[in-house]
Every structure is written in structure tokens, then in C-alpha cells.
PDB file of N, CA and C in Angstrom:
ATOM      1  N   VAL A   1     100.517 114.736  86.433  1.00  0.00           N
ATOM      2  CA  VAL A   1      99.904 113.992  87.350  1.00  0.00           C
ATOM      3  C   VAL A   1      98.187 114.338  87.554  1.00  0.00           C
ATOM      4  N   CYS A   2      97.238 113.285  87.270  1.00  0.00           N
ATOM      5  CA  CYS A   2      96.070 113.439  87.843  1.00  0.00           C
ATOM      6  C   CYS A   2      95.483 112.555  88.929  1.00  0.00           C
ATOM      7  N   HIS A   3      94.540 113.204  89.769  1.00  0.00           N
ATOM      8  CA  HIS A   3      94.258 111.954  90.907  1.00  0.00           C
ATOM      9  C   HIS A   3      93.143 111.978  90.954  1.00  0.00           C
ATOM     10  N   GLY A   4      92.555 111.178  91.380  1.00  0.00           N
ATOM     11  CA  GLY A   4      91.061 110.660  91.258  1.00  0.00           C
ATOM     12  C   GLY A   4      90.232 110.085  90.168  1.00  0.00           C
ATOM     13  N   LEU A   5      89.568 109.189  90.336  1.00  0.00           N
ATOM     14  CA  LEU A   5      89.121 108.545  89.265  1.00  0.00           C
ATOM     15  C   LEU A   5      87.862 109.541  88.412  1.00  0.00           C
ATOM     16  N   LYS A   6      87.440 110.718  88.988  1.00  0.00           N
ATOM     17  CA  LYS A   6      86.640 111.771  87.972  1.00  0.00           C
ATOM     18  C   LYS A   6      87.201 112.071  87.383  1.00  0.00           C
ATOM     19  N   ASN A   7      88.659 112.639  87.860  1.00  0.00           N
ATOM     20  CA  ASN A   7      89.574 113.616  87.112  1.00  0.00           C
ATOM     21  C   ASN A   7      90.263 112.585  85.330  1.00  0.00           C
ATOM     22  N   ALA A   8      90.356 111.424  85.919  1.00  0.00           N
ATOM     23  CA  ALA A   8      90.964 110.656  84.859  1.00  0.00           C
ATOM     24  C   ALA A   8      89.885 110.562  83.920  1.00  0.00           C
ATOM     25  N   ARG A   9      88.774 110.474  84.035  1.00  0.00           N
ATOM     26  CA  ARG A   9      87.690 109.955  83.036  1.00  0.00           C
ATOM     27  C   ARG A   9      87.626 111.524  82.101  1.00  0.00           C
ATOM     28  N   LEU A  10      87.650 112.806  82.989  1.00  0.00           N
ATOM     29  CA  LEU A  10      88.044 113.812  82.286  1.00  0.00           C
ATOM     30  C   LEU A  10      89.118 114.219  81.526  1.00  0.00           C
ATOM     31  N   ILE A  11      89.740 113.878  81.947  1.00  0.00           N
ATOM     32  CA  ILE A  11      91.389 113.794  81.406  1.00  0.00           C
ATOM     33  C   ILE A  11      91.304 112.932  79.965  1.00  0.00           C
ATOM     34  N   LEU A  12      90.688 111.509  80.395  1.00  0.00           N
ATOM     35  CA  LEU A  12      90.687 110.557  78.745  1.00  0.00           C
ATOM     36  C   LEU A  12      89.927 111.009  78.022  1.00  0.00           C
ATOM     37  N   ASP A  13      88.656 111.938  78.323  1.00  0.00           N
ATOM     38  CA  ASP A  13      88.034 112.254  77.197  1.00  0.00           C
ATOM     39  C   ASP A  13      88.402 113.455  76.533  1.00  0.00           C
ATOM     40  N   GLU A  14      89.216 113.978  77.097  1.00  0.00           N
ATOM     41  CA  GLU A  14      90.030 115.283  76.798  1.00  0.00           C
ATOM     42  C   GLU A  14      91.084 114.659  75.514  1.00  0.00           C
ATOM     43  N   ILE A  15      91.594 113.690  76.290  1.00  0.00           N
ATOM     44  CA  ILE A  15      92.432 112.766  75.016  1.00  0.00           C
ATOM     45  C   ILE A  15      91.948 112.134  73.880  1.00  0.00           C
ATOM     46  N   ARG A  16      90.674 111.629  73.942  1.00  0.00           N
ATOM     47  CA  ARG A  16      89.868 110.606  73.196  1.00  0.00           C
ATOM     48  C   ARG A  16      89.291 112.105  72.292  1.00  0.00           C
ATOM     49  N   ALA A  17      88.945 113.259  72.603  1.00  0.00           N
ATOM     50  CA  ALA A  17      88.933 114.212  71.646  1.00  0.00           C
ATOM     51  C   ALA A  17      89.631 115.081  70.896  1.00  0.00           C
ATOM     52  N   GLY A  18      90.777 114.514  71.289  1.00  0.00           N
ATOM     53  CA  GLY A  18      91.996 115.249  70.427  1.00  0.00           C
ATOM     54  C   GLY A  18      92.221 116.620  71.805  1.00  0.00           C
ATOM     55  N   LYS A  19      91.954 117.321  72.149  1.00  0.00           N
ATOM     56  CA  LYS A  19      92.414 118.395  72.879  1.00  0.00           C
ATOM     57  C   LYS A  19      93.753 118.461  73.734  1.00  0.00           C
ATOM     58  N   THR A  20      94.115 117.495  73.844  1.00  0.00           N
ATOM     59  CA  THR A  20      95.541 117.570  74.687  1.00  0.00           C
ATOM     60  C   THR A  20      96.818 117.265  73.618  1.00  0.00           C
ATOM     61  N   ARG A  21      97.901 117.739  73.965  1.00  0.00           N
ATOM     62  CA  ARG A  21      99.457 117.502  73.638  1.00  0.00           C
ATOM     63  C   ARG A  21     100.329 116.600  74.572  1.00  0.00           C
ATOM     64  N   TRP A  22      99.603 115.717  75.498  1.00  0.00           N
ATOM     65  CA  TRP A  22     100.634 115.347  76.779  1.00  0.00           C
ATOM     66  C   TRP A  22     101.307 114.228  75.994  1.00  0.00           C
ATOM     67  N   GLN A  23     102.538 113.995  76.073  1.00  0.00           N
ATOM     68  CA  GLN A  23     103.424 112.842  76.204  1.00  0.00           C
ATOM     69  C   GLN A  23     103.038 111.730  77.290  1.00  0.00           C
ATOM     70  N   PHE A  24     102.722 112.546  78.330  1.00  0.00           N
ATOM     71  CA  PHE A  24     103.247 111.238  79.960  1.00  0.00           C
ATOM     72  C   PHE A  24     101.990 112.166  80.685  1.00  0.00           C
ATOM     73  N   ILE A  25     101.237 111.268  81.083  1.00  0.00           N
ATOM     74  CA  ILE A  25     100.162 111.178  82.394  1.00  0.00           C
ATOM     75  C   ILE A  25     100.359 110.371  83.751  1.00  0.00           C
ATOM     76  N   GLU A  26     100.158 110.752  84.685  1.00  0.00           N
ATOM     77  CA  GLU A  26     100.362 109.588  85.788  1.00  0.00           C
ATOM     78  C   GLU A  26      98.844 109.795  86.552  1.00  0.00           C
ATOM     79  N   PHE A  27      98.599 108.727  86.398  1.00  0.00           N
ATOM     80  CA  PHE A  27      96.915 108.388  86.926  1.00  0.00           C
ATOM     81  C   PHE A  27      97.450 108.319  87.960  1.00  0.00           C
ATOM     82  N   MET A  28      96.684 108.447  89.439  1.00  0.00           N
ATOM     83  CA  MET A  28      96.449 108.352  90.704  1.00  0.00           C
ATOM     84  C   MET A  28      94.947 108.107  90.987  1.00  0.00           C
ATOM     85  N   SER A  29      94.654 107.271  91.792  1.00  0.00           N
ATOM     86  CA  SER A  29      93.279 106.838  91.966  1.00  0.00           C
ATOM     87  C   SER A  29      92.705 107.488  93.342  1.00  0.00           C
ATOM     88  N   CYS A  30      93.604 107.545  93.853  1.00  0.00           N
ATOM     89  CA  CYS A  30      93.540 108.007  95.349  1.00  0.00           C
ATOM     90  C   CYS A  30      92.920 109.636  95.275  1.00  0.00           C
ATOM     91  N   PRO A  31      91.574 110.117  96.104  1.00  0.00           N
ATOM     92  CA  PRO A  31      91.629 111.734  96.241  1.00  0.00           C
ATOM     93  C   PRO A  31      92.596 112.217  97.107  1.00  0.00           C
ATOM     94  N   GLY A  32      93.523 113.308  96.096  1.00  0.00           N
ATOM     95  CA  GLY A  32      94.467 114.163  96.599  1.00  0.00           C
ATOM     96  C   GLY A  32      95.564 113.088  96.498  1.00  0.00           C
ATOM     97  N   GLY A  33      95.659 112.335  95.363  1.00  0.00           N
ATOM     98  CA  GLY A  33      97.332 111.505  95.103  1.00  0.00           C
ATOM     99  C   GLY A  33      97.380 110.208  96.166  1.00  0.00           C
ATOM    100  N   CYS A  34      98.612 109.883  96.329  1.00  0.00           N
ATOM    101  CA  CYS A  34      98.919 108.942  97.019  1.00  0.00           C
ATOM    102  C   CYS A  34      99.236 109.563  98.841  1.00  0.00           C
ATOM    103  N   ILE A  35      98.989 111.135  99.064  1.00  0.00           N
ATOM    104  CA  ILE A  35      99.097 111.309 100.321  1.00  0.00           C
ATOM    105  C   ILE A  35      98.584 110.636 101.440  1.00  0.00           C
ATOM    106  N   GLY A  36      97.609 110.394 101.099  1.00  0.00           N
ATOM    107  CA  GLY A  36      96.532 109.219 102.119  1.00  0.00           C
ATOM    108  C   GLY A  36      96.404 107.832 102.066  1.00  0.00           C
ATOM    109  N   GLY A  37      97.419 107.252 101.135  1.00  0.00           N
ATOM    110  CA  GLY A  37      97.546 106.066 100.623  1.00  0.00           C
ATOM    111  C   GLY A  37      98.228 105.128 101.240  1.00  0.00           C
ATOM    112  N   GLY A  38      98.605 103.787 100.680  1.00  0.00           N
ATOM    113  CA  GLY A  38      99.414 102.733 101.637  1.00  0.00           C
ATOM    114  C   GLY A  38     100.629 103.503 102.137  1.00  0.00           C
ATOM    115  N   GLY A  39     101.259 102.532 102.825  1.00  0.00           N
ATOM    116  CA  GLY A  39     102.472 103.126 103.210  1.00  0.00           C
ATOM    117  C   GLY A  39     102.740 104.494 104.106  1.00  0.00           C
ATOM    118  N   GLN A  40     101.778 105.152 104.412  1.00  0.00           N
ATOM    119  CA  GLN A  40     101.565 106.691 104.929  1.00  0.00           C
ATOM    120  C   GLN A  40     101.515 105.973 106.673  1.00  0.00           C
ATOM    121  N   PRO A  41     101.831 107.117 107.208  1.00  0.00           N
ATOM    122  CA  PRO A  41     101.164 107.132 108.862  1.00  0.00           C
ATOM    123  C   PRO A  41      99.849 106.526 108.874  1.00  0.00           C
ATOM    124  N   ARG A  42     100.021 105.748 109.836  1.00  0.00           N
ATOM    125  CA  ARG A  42      98.576 105.514 110.551  1.00  0.00           C
ATOM    126  C   ARG A  42      98.204 105.815 112.263  1.00  0.00           C
ATOM    127  N   THR A  43      97.244 106.233 112.114  1.00  0.00           N
ATOM    128  CA  THR A  43      96.872 106.899 112.969  1.00  0.00           C
ATOM    129  C   THR A  43      95.511 106.080 113.687  1.00  0.00           C
ATOM    130  N   SER A  44      94.993 106.399 115.141  1.00  0.00           N
ATOM    131  CA  SER A  44      94.081 105.692 115.589  1.00  0.00           C
ATOM    132  C   SER A  44      92.739 105.839 115.200  1.00  0.00           C
ATOM    133  N   LEU A  45      92.864 107.853 114.562  1.00  0.00           N
ATOM    134  CA  LEU A  45      91.569 107.731 113.945  1.00  0.00           C
ATOM    135  C   LEU A  45      91.401 107.739 112.721  1.00  0.00           C
ATOM    136  N   PRO A  46      89.819 107.265 112.434  1.00  0.00           N
ATOM    137  CA  PRO A  46      89.697 106.711 110.913  1.00  0.00           C
ATOM    138  C   PRO A  46      90.138 107.906 109.731  1.00  0.00           C
ATOM    139  N   PRO A  47      90.448 107.270 108.460  1.00  0.00           N
ATOM    140  CA  PRO A  47      90.911 108.547 107.559  1.00  0.00           C
ATOM    141  C   PRO A  47      89.496 108.614 106.805  1.00  0.00           C
ATOM    142  N   SER A  48      89.765 110.534 107.087  1.00  0.00           N
ATOM    143  CA  SER A  48      88.713 110.925 106.267  1.00  0.00           C
ATOM    144  C   SER A  48      89.085 112.212 105.483  1.00  0.00           C
ATOM    145  N   ASP A  49      88.516 113.093 104.621  1.00  0.00           N
ATOM    146  CA  ASP A  49      88.981 113.839 103.941  1.00  0.00           C
ATOM    147  C   ASP A  49      89.723 115.182 104.558  1.00  0.00           C
ATOM    148  N   GLU A  50      88.947 115.176 105.554  1.00  0.00           N
ATOM    149  CA  GLU A  50      89.349 116.727 106.479  1.00  0.00           C
ATOM    150  C   GLU A  50      90.898 116.033 106.951  1.00  0.00           C
ATOM    151  N   ILE A  51      91.256 114.636 107.364  1.00  0.00           N
ATOM    152  CA  ILE A  51      92.614 114.212 107.861  1.00  0.00           C
ATOM    153  C   ILE A  51      93.606 114.398 106.666  1.00  0.00           C
ATOM    154  N   ARG A  52      93.177 113.751 105.813  1.00  0.00           N
ATOM    155  CA  ARG A  52      93.664 113.881 103.952  1.00  0.00           C
ATOM    156  C   ARG A  52      94.107 115.708 103.505  1.00  0.00           C
ATOM    157  N   GLN A  53      93.104 116.202 103.701  1.00  0.00           N
ATOM    158  CA  GLN A  53      93.722 117.427 103.901  1.00  0.00           C
ATOM    159  C   GLN A  53      94.487 118.428 104.521  1.00  0.00           C
ATOM    160  N   ALA A  54      94.654 118.581 105.967  1.00  0.00           N
ATOM    161  CA  ALA A  54      95.327 118.328 106.876  1.00  0.00           C
ATOM    162  C   ALA A  54      96.789 118.011 106.177  1.00  0.00           C
ATOM    163  N   ARG A  55      96.986 116.272 106.305  1.00  0.00           N
ATOM    164  CA  ARG A  55      97.941 116.144 105.547  1.00  0.00           C
ATOM    165  C   ARG A  55      99.142 116.676 104.329  1.00  0.00           C
ATOM    166  N   ILE A  56      97.844 116.783 103.517  1.00  0.00           N
ATOM    167  CA  ILE A  56      98.703 117.661 102.007  1.00  0.00           C
ATOM    168  C   ILE A  56      99.079 118.782 102.744  1.00  0.00           C
ATOM    169  N   ALA A  57      98.103 119.534 103.185  1.00  0.00           N
ATOM    170  CA  ALA A  57      98.417 121.050 103.699  1.00  0.00           C
ATOM    171  C   ALA A  57      99.990 120.823 104.551  1.00  0.00           C
ATOM    172  N   SER A  58     100.106 119.986 105.151  1.00  0.00           N
ATOM    173  CA  SER A  58     101.583 120.229 106.179  1.00  0.00           C
ATOM    174  C   SER A  58     102.611 119.536 105.487  1.00  0.00           C
ATOM    175  N   LEU A  59     101.964 118.756 104.269  1.00  0.00           N
ATOM    176  CA  LEU A  59     103.537 118.170 103.488  1.00  0.00           C
ATOM    177  C   LEU A  59     103.840 119.324 102.450  1.00  0.00           C
ATOM    178  N   TYR A  60     102.496 120.100 101.482  1.00  0.00           N
ATOM    179  CA  TYR A  60     103.244 121.301 101.265  1.00  0.00           C
ATOM    180  C   TYR A  60     103.872 122.282 101.857  1.00  0.00           C
ATOM    181  N   LYS A  61     103.663 122.833 103.091  1.00  0.00           N
ATOM    182  CA  LYS A  61     104.196 123.692 103.799  1.00  0.00           C
ATOM    183  C   LYS A  61     105.648 123.067 104.254  1.00  0.00           C
ATOM    184  N   LEU A  62     106.022 121.766 104.583  1.00  0.00           N
ATOM    185  CA  LEU A  62     107.383 121.448 104.751  1.00  0.00           C
ATOM    186  C   LEU A  62     108.139 121.450 103.345  1.00  0.00           C
ATOM    187  N   ASP A  63     107.198 120.938 102.544  1.00  0.00           N
ATOM    188  CA  ASP A  63     107.868 121.354 101.097  1.00  0.00           C
ATOM    189  C   ASP A  63     108.403 122.726 100.532  1.00  0.00           C
ATOM    190  N   SER A  64     107.691 123.740 100.724  1.00  0.00           N
ATOM    191  CA  SER A  64     108.019 124.543 100.479  1.00  0.00           C
ATOM    192  C   SER A  64     108.821 125.689 101.524  1.00  0.00           C
ATOM    193  N   SER A  65     109.051 125.239 102.407  1.00  0.00           N
ATOM    194  CA  SER A  65     109.462 126.011 103.852  1.00  0.00           C
ATOM    195  C   SER A  65     111.244 125.343 104.147  1.00  0.00           C
ATOM    196  N   VAL A  66     110.841 123.951 104.691  1.00  0.00           N
ATOM    197  CA  VAL A  66     112.217 123.546 104.590  1.00  0.00           C
ATOM    198  C   VAL A  66     113.191 123.278 103.835  1.00  0.00           C
ATOM    199  N   TYR A  67     112.645 122.440 102.359  1.00  0.00           N
ATOM    200  CA  TYR A  67     113.382 121.945 101.201  1.00  0.00           C
ATOM    201  C   TYR A  67     113.855 122.864 100.987  1.00  0.00           C
ATOM    202  N   LYS A  68     114.636 123.804 100.522  1.00  0.00           N
ATOM    203  CA  LYS A  68     115.139 125.125  99.826  1.00  0.00           C
ATOM    204  C   LYS A  68     115.622 124.754  98.354  1.00  0.00           C
ATOM    205  N   LYS A  69     116.019 123.058  98.661  1.00  0.00           N
ATOM    206  CA  LYS A  69     117.101 122.937  97.746  1.00  0.00           C
ATOM    207  C   LYS A  69     116.195 122.250  96.649  1.00  0.00           C
ATOM    208  N   ARG A  70     115.161 122.718  96.572  1.00  0.00           N
ATOM    209  CA  ARG A  70     114.607 121.729  95.343  1.00  0.00           C
ATOM    210  C   ARG A  70     115.109 121.822  93.719  1.00  0.00           C
ATOM    211  N   LEU A  71     115.381 123.012  93.621  1.00  0.00           N
ATOM    212  CA  LEU A  71     116.045 122.771  92.169  1.00  0.00           C
ATOM    213  C   LEU A  71     117.411 122.266  92.293  1.00  0.00           C
ATOM    214  N   SER A  72     117.890 121.368  91.255  1.00  0.00           N
ATOM    215  CA  SER A  72     119.089 120.666  91.629  1.00  0.00           C
ATOM    216  C   SER A  72     120.388 121.891  91.342  1.00  0.00           C
ATOM    217  N   TYR A  73     119.918 122.453  89.895  1.00  0.00           N
ATOM    218  CA  TYR A  73     121.570 123.513  89.885  1.00  0.00           C
ATOM    219  C   TYR A  73     121.112 124.627  90.487  1.00  0.00           C
ATOM    220  N   LYS A  74     120.788 124.650  91.784  1.00  0.00           N
ATOM    221  CA  LYS A  74     120.710 125.717  92.811  1.00  0.00           C
ATOM    222  C   LYS A  74     121.261 125.404  93.911  1.00  0.00           C
ATOM    223  N   ASN A  75     121.334 123.554  93.937  1.00  0.00           N
ATOM    224  CA  ASN A  75     122.079 123.210  95.015  1.00  0.00           C
ATOM    225  C   ASN A  75     123.793 122.985  95.027  1.00  0.00           C
ATOM    226  N   GLU A  76     123.880 123.553  96.208  1.00  0.00           N
ATOM    227  CA  GLU A  76     125.597 123.826  96.469  1.00  0.00           C
ATOM    228  C   GLU A  76     126.249 122.889  96.403  1.00  0.00           C
ATOM    229  N   GLU A  77     125.664 121.592  97.277  1.00  0.00           N
ATOM    230  CA  GLU A  77     126.448 120.235  96.925  1.00  0.00           C
ATOM    231  C   GLU A  77     126.289 119.664  95.486  1.00  0.00           C
ATOM    232  N   ILE A  78     125.710 119.430  94.800  1.00  0.00           N
ATOM    233  CA  ILE A  78     125.455 119.289  93.336  1.00  0.00           C
ATOM    234  C   ILE A  78     126.285 120.421  92.460  1.00  0.00           C
ATOM    235  N   ARG A  79     126.208 121.550  92.664  1.00  0.00           N
ATOM    236  CA  ARG A  79     127.116 122.125  91.889  1.00  0.00           C
ATOM    237  C   ARG A  79     128.730 122.377  92.388  1.00  0.00           C
ATOM    238  N   GLN A  80     129.000 121.842  93.429  1.00  0.00           N
ATOM    239  CA  GLN A  80     130.458 121.260  93.536  1.00  0.00           C
ATOM    240  C   GLN A  80     130.796 119.868  92.800  1.00  0.00           C
ATOM    241  N   VAL A  81     129.779 118.767  92.875  1.00  0.00           N
ATOM    242  CA  VAL A  81     130.036 117.713  92.386  1.00  0.00           C
ATOM    243  C   VAL A  81     129.986 117.923  90.490  1.00  0.00           C
ATOM    244  N   TYR A  82     129.443 118.675  90.090  1.00  0.00           N
ATOM    245  CA  TYR A  82     129.956 119.290  88.761  1.00  0.00           C
ATOM    246  C   TYR A  82     131.192 120.161  88.290  1.00  0.00           C
ATOM    247  N   GLN A  83     131.554 120.337  89.378  1.00  0.00           N
ATOM    248  CA  GLN A  83     132.966 121.132  89.338  1.00  0.00           C
ATOM    249  C   GLN A  83     134.220 120.805  89.319  1.00  0.00           C
ATOM    250  N   SER A  84     134.055 119.697  90.581  1.00  0.00           N
ATOM    251  CA  SER A  84     134.649 118.748  90.818  1.00  0.00           C
ATOM    252  C   SER A  84     135.119 117.654  89.836  1.00  0.00           C
ATOM    253  N   TYR A  85     133.962 117.015  89.288  1.00  0.00           N
ATOM    254  CA  TYR A  85     133.975 115.770  88.508  1.00  0.00           C
ATOM    255  C   TYR A  85     133.435 115.807  87.347  1.00  0.00           C
ATOM    256  N   LEU A  86     131.867 116.507  87.298  1.00  0.00           N
ATOM    257  CA  LEU A  86     130.633 115.885  85.888  1.00  0.00           C
ATOM    258  C   LEU A  86     131.380 117.129  84.988  1.00  0.00           C
ATOM    259  N   GLU A  87     132.550 118.155  85.664  1.00  0.00           N
ATOM    260  CA  GLU A  87     132.538 119.647  84.542  1.00  0.00           C
ATOM    261  C   GLU A  87     131.573 120.468  84.812  1.00  0.00           C
ATOM    262  N   HIS A  88     130.253 120.162  83.949  1.00  0.00           N
ATOM    263  CA  HIS A  88     129.334 120.925  83.950  1.00  0.00           C
ATOM    264  C   HIS A  88     127.853 120.184  83.452  1.00  0.00           C
ATOM    265  N   PRO A  89     127.060 120.836  83.890  1.00  0.00           N
ATOM    266  CA  PRO A  89     125.620 120.059  83.485  1.00  0.00           C
ATOM    267  C   PRO A  89     125.269 119.617  81.680  1.00  0.00           C
ATOM    268  N   MET A  90     124.827 118.365  81.233  1.00  0.00           N
ATOM    269  CA  MET A  90     125.423 117.754  80.091  1.00  0.00           C
ATOM    270  C   MET A  90     126.462 117.858  79.032  1.00  0.00           C
ATOM    271  N   SER A  91     127.252 118.015  80.121  1.00  0.00           N
ATOM    272  CA  SER A  91     128.921 117.049  79.800  1.00  0.00           C
ATOM    273  C   SER A  91     128.488 115.821  79.297  1.00  0.00           C
ATOM    274  N   GLU A  92     129.301 115.272  78.928  1.00  0.00           N
ATOM    275  CA  GLU A  92     129.463 114.049  78.608  1.00  0.00           C
ATOM    276  C   GLU A  92     129.461 112.925  79.547  1.00  0.00           C
ATOM    277  N   LYS A  93     130.351 113.292  80.286  1.00  0.00           N
ATOM    278  CA  LYS A  93     130.385 112.598  81.892  1.00  0.00           C
ATOM    279  C   LYS A  93     129.453 112.448  82.188  1.00  0.00           C
ATOM    280  N   ALA A  94     128.459 113.554  82.494  1.00  0.00           N
ATOM    281  CA  ALA A  94     127.044 113.646  83.051  1.00  0.00           C
ATOM    282  C   ALA A  94     125.959 113.214  82.055  1.00  0.00           C
ATOM    283  N   GLU A  95     125.948 113.080  81.480  1.00  0.00           N
ATOM    284  CA  GLU A  95     124.841 112.266  80.580  1.00  0.00           C
ATOM    285  C   GLU A  95     125.373 110.785  80.415  1.00  0.00           C
ATOM    286  N   GLN A  96     127.068 110.195  80.594  1.00  0.00           N
ATOM    287  CA  GLN A  96     127.099 109.152  81.007  1.00  0.00           C
ATOM    288  C   GLN A  96     126.425 108.377  82.184  1.00  0.00           C
ATOM    289  N   LEU A  97     126.789 109.084  83.110  1.00  0.00           N
ATOM    290  CA  LEU A  97     126.364 108.507  84.436  1.00  0.00           C
ATOM    291  C   LEU A  97     125.357 109.451  85.058  1.00  0.00           C
ATOM    292  N   LEU A  98     124.356 110.185  84.575  1.00  0.00           N
ATOM    293  CA  LEU A  98     123.365 110.430  85.240  1.00  0.00           C
ATOM    294  C   LEU A  98     121.804 110.206  84.521  1.00  0.00           C
ATOM    295  N   HIS A  99     122.233 110.031  83.441  1.00  0.00           N
ATOM    296  CA  HIS A  99     120.698 109.943  82.515  1.00  0.00           C
ATOM    297  C   HIS A  99     120.487 108.236  81.563  1.00  0.00           C
ATOM    298  N   THR A 100     119.333 108.115  81.817  1.00  0.00           N
ATOM    299  CA  THR A 100     118.982 106.838  81.570  1.00  0.00           C
ATOM    300  C   THR A 100     118.458 107.048  79.795  1.00  0.00           C
ATOM    301  N   HIS A 101     118.298 106.000  79.374  1.00  0.00           N
ATOM    302  CA  HIS A 101     118.164 105.948  77.936  1.00  0.00           C
ATOM    303  C   HIS A 101     116.939 104.609  78.123  1.00  0.00           C
ATOM    304  N   TYR A 102     115.994 104.813  77.180  1.00  0.00           N
ATOM    305  CA  TYR A 102     114.820 103.736  76.806  1.00  0.00           C
ATOM    306  C   TYR A 102     115.156 102.896  75.856  1.00  0.00           C
ATOM    307  N   THR A 103     115.327 101.515  76.139  1.00  0.00           N
ATOM    308  CA  THR A 103     115.342 100.638  75.221  1.00  0.00           C
ATOM    309  C   THR A 103     114.354  99.883  74.927  1.00  0.00           C
ATOM    310  N   ASP A 104     113.444  99.598  74.040  1.00  0.00           N
ATOM    311  CA  ASP A 104     112.381  99.326  73.471  1.00  0.00           C
ATOM    312  C   ASP A 104     113.030  97.859  73.696  1.00  0.00           C
ATOM    313  N   ARG A 105     112.133  96.600  74.216  1.00  0.00           N
ATOM    314  CA  ARG A 105     112.647  95.115  74.659  1.00  0.00           C
ATOM    315  C   ARG A 105     111.052  94.477  74.536  1.00  0.00           C
ATOM    316  N   SER A 106     109.751  95.320  73.934  1.00  0.00           N
ATOM    317  CA  SER A 106     108.420  94.960  74.033  1.00  0.00           C
ATOM    318  C   SER A 106     108.683  93.374  72.945  1.00  0.00           C
ATOM    319  N   GLY A 107     109.776  93.477  71.688  1.00  0.00           N
ATOM    320  CA  GLY A 107     109.898  91.845  70.828  1.00  0.00           C
ATOM    321  C   GLY A 107     110.687  90.966  71.908  1.00  0.00           C
ATOM    322  N   ASN A 108     110.532  91.700  73.108  1.00  0.00           N
ATOM    323  CA  ASN A 108     111.167  90.135  73.682  1.00  0.00           C
ATOM    324  C   ASN A 108     109.775  89.024  74.709  1.00  0.00           C
ATOM    325  N   LEU A 109     108.782  89.881  74.694  1.00  0.00           N
ATOM    326  CA  LEU A 109     108.131  89.512  75.165  1.00  0.00           C
ATOM    327  C   LEU A 109     107.295  88.138  75.005  1.00  0.00           C
ATOM    328  N   THR A 110     106.950  87.397  75.711  1.00  0.00           N
ATOM    329  CA  THR A 110     106.324  86.031  75.265  1.00  0.00           C
ATOM    330  C   THR A 110     105.120  86.126  75.776  1.00  0.00           C
ATOM    331  N   ALA A 111     104.015  85.018  74.892  1.00  0.00           N
ATOM    332  CA  ALA A 111     102.772  84.987  75.405  1.00  0.00           C
ATOM    333  C   ALA A 111     102.472  84.202  76.948  1.00  0.00           C
ATOM    334  N   LYS A 112     101.701  84.186  77.690  1.00  0.00           N
ATOM    335  CA  LYS A 112     101.774  83.309  78.843  1.00  0.00           C
ATOM    336  C   LYS A 112     101.999  82.070  78.504  1.00  0.00           C
ATOM    337  N   LYS A 113     102.607  80.772  78.851  1.00  0.00           N
ATOM    338  CA  LYS A 113     102.655  79.679  78.902  1.00  0.00           C
ATOM    339  C   LYS A 113     101.280  78.907  79.270  1.00  0.00           C
ATOM    340  N   ARG A 114     100.791  77.960  78.263  1.00  0.00           N
ATOM    341  CA  ARG A 114      99.766  77.285  78.606  1.00  0.00           C
ATOM    342  C   ARG A 114     100.383  76.332  79.296  1.00  0.00           C
ATOM    343  N   LEU A 115      99.128  76.730  81.051  1.00  0.00           N
ATOM    344  CA  LEU A 115      99.831  75.886  81.770  1.00  0.00           C
ATOM    345  C   LEU A 115      98.198  74.346  81.656  1.00  0.00           C
ATOM    346  N   VAL A 116      99.384  72.969  82.084  1.00  0.00           N
ATOM    347  CA  VAL A 116      98.641  71.816  81.488  1.00  0.00           C
ATOM    348  C   VAL A 116      98.429  71.081  82.905  1.00  0.00           C
ATOM    349  N   LYS A 117      97.163  70.898  83.263  1.00  0.00           N
ATOM    350  CA  LYS A 117      97.475  69.901  84.685  1.00  0.00           C
ATOM    351  C   LYS A 117      97.838  68.656  84.315  1.00  0.00           C
ATOM    352  N   ARG A 118      98.478  68.013  85.490  1.00  0.00           N
ATOM    353  CA  ARG A 118      98.951  66.638  85.549  1.00  0.00           C
ATOM    354  C   ARG A 118      97.817  66.158  86.255  1.00  0.00           C
ATOM    355  N   PRO A 119      97.884  64.742  85.959  1.00  0.00           N
ATOM    356  CA  PRO A 119      96.896  63.872  87.040  1.00  0.00           C
ATOM    357  C   PRO A 119      97.736  63.855  88.411  1.00  0.00           C
ATOM    358  N   ALA A 120      97.208  62.621  89.081  1.00  0.00           N
ATOM    359  CA  ALA A 120      97.857  62.774  90.517  1.00  0.00           C
ATOM    360  C   ALA A 120      99.196  62.234  90.608  1.00  0.00           C
ATOM    361  N   GLY A 121      99.303  60.862  89.744  1.00  0.00           N
ATOM    362  CA  GLY A 121     100.365  60.276  89.653  1.00  0.00           C
ATOM    363  C   GLY A 121     101.774  60.612  88.580  1.00  0.00           C
ATOM    364  N   GLY A 122     100.936  62.138  88.182  1.00  0.00           N
ATOM    365  CA  GLY A 122     102.570  62.945  87.959  1.00  0.00           C
ATOM    366  C   GLY A 122     102.724  62.874  85.870  1.00  0.00           C
ATOM    367  N   GLU A 123     102.061  62.165  85.449  1.00  0.00           N
ATOM    368  CA  GLU A 123     101.680  62.029  84.226  1.00  0.00           C
ATOM    369  C   GLU A 123     101.189  62.991  83.439  1.00  0.00           C
ATOM    370  N   ARG A 124     101.828  62.687  82.234  1.00  0.00           N
ATOM    371  CA  ARG A 124     101.391  64.374  81.723  1.00  0.00           C
ATOM    372  C   ARG A 124     100.079  63.809  80.348  1.00  0.00           C
ATOM    373  N   ASN A 125      99.186  64.624  80.175  1.00  0.00           N
ATOM    374  CA  ASN A 125      97.972  64.766  79.031  1.00  0.00           C
ATOM    375  C   ASN A 125      98.745  65.082  78.232  1.00  0.00           C
ATOM    376  N   GLY A 126      98.560  64.616  76.885  1.00  0.00           N
ATOM    377  CA  GLY A 126      99.380  64.700  75.922  1.00  0.00           C
ATOM    378  C   GLY A 126     100.325  65.488  75.472  1.00  0.00           C
TER     379      GLY A 126
END
């Protein structure tokens, strides 16, 4: 994940120069990512870098201390689902139910249809 347009430019320059081997990059234009972006709690204080940094710090603190089950294979509830139903990670049933597959549908895309303005009487031009 790359956040901030300045960082995006640096990453794109590295890609153009052939210095990277990444297969996927997520760019977020917000400084600090989307932590200070739309859908976030609003306060009576105007957003500032100081407020964003405090929010970032509190989210990372919560993430590391409260959410202990960060790795699914260490989550006891997930382990029970595998034992009772999915058999084991990467089993045929787990693959079928939990994993998605990419299907290239770019051939189905069509060009935008040309809009034709109609006169006030509703008659078609040409």
C-alpha cells in the first residue's frame, strides 16, 4: 500500500525504471492512507495532521493490543470450523467455499453508445 501522491510518484518512477517486482500496488491519495478520509468519525475540530497522526496511533494501538486474533490460522473459532466442516486449510471444500477465482471478462466490454439528441417533438435525427 502506498499512501500520499508524493509517495505514489516515487513508486511509479521505480516501476518505470524497472526497479520493482511488485504485482499489485494499492495507491491511496490521502496522507496517512484513508484513516482521515471519508466515512471517518467527525469532530468539531478541523482535521489537521496532528489529529490524523493521533487517530493513526490509536488505531494501530488498538489493532496490536485488542485484536489478538489477527492470523486466521491461530484463531480458535476458525480452527473449529476447519475441524468440524472444512477438514483442513487448502482442502478441496475450503478451496471451493473460501477462495475466489479471477475470470477475464474484458472481452465483454463495449464502447460507450453514442448519445443522439432528439428534437423537442421526440423525432429522431438520422
